[in-house]
Amino acid sequence: MEKSKEELDKEILLVAEKIKALRVKAGYTSYETFAFTNDINRVQYYRIEKGQNITLKTLIKVLKIHNLTLQEFFKDL
């Protein structure tokens, strides 16, 4: 069964929220500081946390920063 656009958008936002929660848990109150410290384009990282333009390559890079695998990240999502 194919998911609707709304269902997909909701799932993407869940991923974005989890990425933001990881940043905050790591002690970064600002997405800009996190992006700068970890050599990620600030605008690109902002879009990731907003659920826009999340590429698999960038997701893997962010997860490596947090010492997580894809399996661990998606386990409780």
Protein backbone atom coordinates (compact mmCIF):
# COMPACT_ATOMS: atom_id res chain seq x y z
CA MET A 1 0.00 0.00 0.00
CA GLU A 2 1.40 3.37 -1.02
CA LYS A 3 1.59 6.12 1.58
CA SER A 4 0.09 9.52 1.00
CA LYS A 5 2.22 12.64 0.73
CA GLU A 6 0.97 13.72 4.16
CA GLU A 7 2.02 10.41 5.73
CA LEU A 8 5.47 10.65 4.15
CA ASP A 9 5.87 14.27 5.26
CA LYS A 10 4.96 13.26 8.81
CA GLU A 11 7.59 10.50 8.82
CA ILE A 12 10.24 12.88 7.45
CA LEU A 13 9.44 15.32 10.25
CA LEU A 14 9.89 12.51 12.80
CA VAL A 15 13.39 11.91 11.41
CA ALA A 16 14.13 15.65 11.55
CA GLU A 17 12.90 15.92 15.14
CA LYS A 18 15.04 12.97 16.19
CA ILE A 19 18.12 14.56 14.58
CA LYS A 20 17.41 17.79 16.47
CA ALA A 21 16.95 15.85 19.72
CA LEU A 22 20.35 14.20 19.20
CA ARG A 23 21.96 17.62 18.79
CA VAL A 24 20.34 18.97 21.94
CA LYS A 25 21.24 15.83 23.89
CA ALA A 26 24.86 16.32 22.81
CA GLY A 27 24.77 19.75 24.47
CA TYR A 28 24.39 21.99 21.43
CA THR A 29 21.68 24.59 21.96
CA SER A 30 22.26 26.09 18.51
CA TYR A 31 22.06 24.23 15.22
CA GLU A 32 24.57 26.75 13.86
CA THR A 33 27.18 25.86 16.49
CA PHE A 34 26.66 22.15 15.86
CA ALA A 35 27.01 22.61 12.11
CA PHE A 36 30.12 24.77 12.41
CA THR A 37 31.80 22.49 14.96
CA ASN A 38 31.16 19.41 12.82
CA ASP A 39 31.99 20.91 9.43
CA ILE A 40 28.46 20.77 8.03
CA ASN A 41 27.05 23.59 5.95
CA ARG A 42 24.91 25.68 8.31
CA VAL A 43 22.02 26.13 5.85
CA GLN A 44 22.09 22.46 4.91
CA TYR A 45 21.92 21.42 8.58
CA TYR A 46 19.06 23.85 9.23
CA ARG A 47 17.11 22.20 6.41
CA ILE A 48 17.79 18.76 7.86
CA GLU A 49 16.31 19.75 11.21
CA LYS A 50 13.29 21.20 9.41
CA GLY A 51 12.74 18.01 7.39
CA GLN A 52 13.79 19.51 4.09
CA ASN A 53 16.38 18.07 1.74
CA ILE A 54 17.64 15.22 3.93
CA THR A 55 20.03 13.10 1.89
CA LEU A 56 21.17 9.69 2.97
CA LYS A 57 24.79 10.80 2.72
CA THR A 58 24.26 13.71 5.11
CA LEU A 59 22.15 11.61 7.47
CA ILE A 60 24.95 9.07 7.72
CA LYS A 61 27.46 11.88 8.37
CA VAL A 62 25.31 13.29 11.19
CA LEU A 63 24.80 9.84 12.70
CA LYS A 64 28.56 9.19 12.66
CA ILE A 65 29.04 12.40 14.64
CA HIS A 66 26.67 10.96 17.24
CA ASN A 67 28.27 7.49 17.02
CA LEU A 68 25.06 5.90 15.76
CA THR A 69 24.36 3.46 12.96
CA LEU A 70 21.35 3.72 10.68
CA GLN A 71 19.89 0.67 12.44
CA GLU A 72 20.25 2.27 15.87
CA PHE A 73 18.76 5.56 14.66
CA PHE A 74 15.70 4.01 13.06
CA LYS A 75 15.17 1.38 15.76
CA ASP A 76 12.76 3.43 17.87
CA LEU A 77 11.37 5.67 15.16
